[in-house]
């Protein structure tokens, strides 16, 4: 079964970025949502020219940011829902 939609947190570099590129190779996936703390600074991610890719902001230490992402994802995927969630982002606790 091919996923309809994929959400990758922490997707602006490293493993998350690599996963986004791999998911975009599958033309059957309709939505690839790749979060970053600062989407405007995610240059490599923003350089990908694919209308299936959405890059919303996500700051895991901020409850409002999480709620905003939930609403954005709901709007993007609609009634089909989210097929895959890859929680790749991390936080530093001091």
C-alpha atoms as a PDB file:
ATOM      1  CA  UNK A   1       0.000   0.000   0.000  1.00  0.00           C
ATOM      2  CA  UNK A   2       1.379   3.376  -0.983  1.00  0.00           C
ATOM      3  CA  UNK A   3       0.879   6.089   1.623  1.00  0.00           C
ATOM      4  CA  UNK A   4      -1.372   8.998   0.658  1.00  0.00           C
ATOM      5  CA  UNK A   5       0.364  11.554   2.870  1.00  0.00           C
ATOM      6  CA  UNK A   6       3.549  11.738   4.925  1.00  0.00           C
ATOM      7  CA  UNK A   7       4.614  14.136   7.683  1.00  0.00           C
ATOM      8  CA  UNK A   8       8.301  14.307   8.626  1.00  0.00           C
ATOM      9  CA  UNK A   9       9.285  16.481  11.581  1.00  0.00           C
ATOM     10  CA  UNK A  10      12.786  17.938  11.695  1.00  0.00           C
ATOM     11  CA  UNK A  11      13.045  17.690   7.931  1.00  0.00           C
ATOM     12  CA  UNK A  12      15.355  20.584   7.130  1.00  0.00           C
ATOM     13  CA  UNK A  13      18.565  18.511   7.362  1.00  0.00           C
ATOM     14  CA  UNK A  14      20.067  15.123   8.040  1.00  0.00           C
ATOM     15  CA  UNK A  15      17.885  12.024   8.208  1.00  0.00           C
ATOM     16  CA  UNK A  16      14.644  14.009   7.965  1.00  0.00           C
ATOM     17  CA  UNK A  17      15.770  15.773   4.808  1.00  0.00           C
ATOM     18  CA  UNK A  18      16.895  12.494   3.266  1.00  0.00           C
ATOM     19  CA  UNK A  19      13.538  10.881   4.036  1.00  0.00           C
ATOM     20  CA  UNK A  20      11.656  13.767   2.425  1.00  0.00           C
ATOM     21  CA  UNK A  21      13.691  13.378  -0.775  1.00  0.00           C
ATOM     22  CA  UNK A  22      13.005   9.635  -0.819  1.00  0.00           C
ATOM     23  CA  UNK A  23       9.253  10.071  -0.282  1.00  0.00           C
ATOM     24  CA  UNK A  24       9.098  12.622  -3.102  1.00  0.00           C
ATOM     25  CA  UNK A  25      10.533  10.024  -5.497  1.00  0.00           C
ATOM     26  CA  UNK A  26       7.260   8.101  -5.123  1.00  0.00           C
ATOM     27  CA  UNK A  27       4.820   9.880  -7.440  1.00  0.00           C
ATOM     28  CA  UNK A  28       1.858   8.079  -5.829  1.00  0.00           C
ATOM     29  CA  UNK A  29       2.312   9.981  -2.557  1.00  0.00           C
ATOM     30  CA  UNK A  30       0.033  13.019  -2.768  1.00  0.00           C
ATOM     31  CA  UNK A  31       1.350  15.106   0.153  1.00  0.00           C
ATOM     32  CA  UNK A  32       4.785  15.319   1.755  1.00  0.00           C
ATOM     33  CA  UNK A  33       4.742  17.651   4.743  1.00  0.00           C
ATOM     34  CA  UNK A  34       8.215  18.532   6.004  1.00  0.00           C
ATOM     35  CA  UNK A  35       8.451  20.614   9.164  1.00  0.00           C
ATOM     36  CA  UNK A  36      11.234  22.928  10.249  1.00  0.00           C
ATOM     37  CA  UNK A  37      11.629  25.327  13.173  1.00  0.00           C
ATOM     38  CA  UNK A  38      12.417  28.085  10.688  1.00  0.00           C
ATOM     39  CA  UNK A  39      11.180  27.260   7.167  1.00  0.00           C
ATOM     40  CA  UNK A  40      12.770  30.411   5.720  1.00  0.00           C
ATOM     41  CA  UNK A  41      16.190  29.132   6.831  1.00  0.00           C
ATOM     42  CA  UNK A  42      15.621  25.657   5.363  1.00  0.00           C
ATOM     43  CA  UNK A  43      17.311  26.546   2.068  1.00  0.00           C
ATOM     44  CA  UNK A  44      17.874  23.024   0.696  1.00  0.00           C
ATOM     45  CA  UNK A  45      14.346  21.965   1.579  1.00  0.00           C
ATOM     46  CA  UNK A  46      12.863  25.107   0.038  1.00  0.00           C
ATOM     47  CA  UNK A  47      14.891  24.533  -3.132  1.00  0.00           C
ATOM     48  CA  UNK A  48      12.964  21.334  -3.896  1.00  0.00           C
ATOM     49  CA  UNK A  49      10.541  22.142  -6.700  1.00  0.00           C
ATOM     50  CA  UNK A  50       7.593  19.828  -6.102  1.00  0.00           C
ATOM     51  CA  UNK A  51       4.045  21.040  -5.523  1.00  0.00           C
ATOM     52  CA  UNK A  52       3.364  18.036  -3.255  1.00  0.00           C
ATOM     53  CA  UNK A  53       5.869  19.395  -0.720  1.00  0.00           C
ATOM     54  CA  UNK A  54       4.614  21.669   2.062  1.00  0.00           C
ATOM     55  CA  UNK A  55       7.014  23.171   4.624  1.00  0.00           C
ATOM     56  CA  UNK A  56       5.166  24.379   7.725  1.00  0.00           C
ATOM     57  CA  UNK A  57       6.830  25.736  10.838  1.00  0.00           C
ATOM     58  CA  UNK A  58       7.012  23.509  13.909  1.00  0.00           C
ATOM     59  CA  UNK A  59       8.587  24.377  17.240  1.00  0.00           C
ATOM     60  CA  UNK A  60       8.089  21.324  19.450  1.00  0.00           C
ATOM     61  CA  UNK A  61       8.545  23.282  22.672  1.00  0.00           C
ATOM     62  CA  UNK A  62       5.592  25.538  21.803  1.00  0.00           C
ATOM     63  CA  UNK A  63       2.060  24.170  22.239  1.00  0.00           C
ATOM     64  CA  UNK A  64       0.589  26.791  19.888  1.00  0.00           C
ATOM     65  CA  UNK A  65       3.020  25.765  17.159  1.00  0.00           C
ATOM     66  CA  UNK A  66       1.903  22.148  17.540  1.00  0.00           C
ATOM     67  CA  UNK A  67      -1.774  23.165  17.365  1.00  0.00           C
ATOM     68  CA  UNK A  68      -1.082  25.302  14.286  1.00  0.00           C
ATOM     69  CA  UNK A  69       0.633  22.369  12.586  1.00  0.00           C
ATOM     70  CA  UNK A  70      -2.318  20.097  13.394  1.00  0.00           C
ATOM     71  CA  UNK A  71      -4.688  22.558  11.707  1.00  0.00           C
ATOM     72  CA  UNK A  72      -2.426  22.951   8.677  1.00  0.00           C
ATOM     73  CA  UNK A  73      -2.065  19.194   8.232  1.00  0.00           C
ATOM     74  CA  UNK A  74      -5.817  18.728   8.544  1.00  0.00           C
ATOM     75  CA  UNK A  75      -6.335  21.328   5.813  1.00  0.00           C
ATOM     76  CA  UNK A  76      -3.727  19.741   3.521  1.00  0.00           C
ATOM     77  CA  UNK A  77      -4.791  16.087   3.804  1.00  0.00           C
ATOM     78  CA  UNK A  78      -8.534  16.585   4.308  1.00  0.00           C
ATOM     79  CA  UNK A  79     -10.782  13.594   4.939  1.00  0.00           C
ATOM     80  CA  UNK A  80      -8.124  11.118   3.792  1.00  0.00           C
ATOM     81  CA  UNK A  81      -6.111  11.839   6.919  1.00  0.00           C
ATOM     82  CA  UNK A  82      -2.411  11.466   7.502  1.00  0.00           C
ATOM     83  CA  UNK A  83      -0.952   8.097   6.491  1.00  0.00           C
ATOM     84  CA  UNK A  84       2.574   8.268   7.949  1.00  0.00           C
ATOM     85  CA  UNK A  85       4.057  10.370  10.751  1.00  0.00           C
ATOM     86  CA  UNK A  86       7.836  10.284  11.234  1.00  0.00           C
ATOM     87  CA  UNK A  87       8.839  12.114  14.399  1.00  0.00           C
ATOM     88  CA  UNK A  88      12.436  12.956  13.608  1.00  0.00           C
ATOM     89  CA  UNK A  89      12.686  16.340  15.364  1.00  0.00           C
ATOM     90  CA  UNK A  90      14.289  16.590  18.754  1.00  0.00           C
ATOM     91  CA  UNK A  91      14.430  19.101  21.563  1.00  0.00           C
ATOM     92  CA  UNK A  92      17.157  20.010  24.005  1.00  0.00           C
ATOM     93  CA  UNK A  93      16.104  20.077  27.648  1.00  0.00           C
ATOM     94  CA  UNK A  94      18.241  22.283  29.834  1.00  0.00           C
END
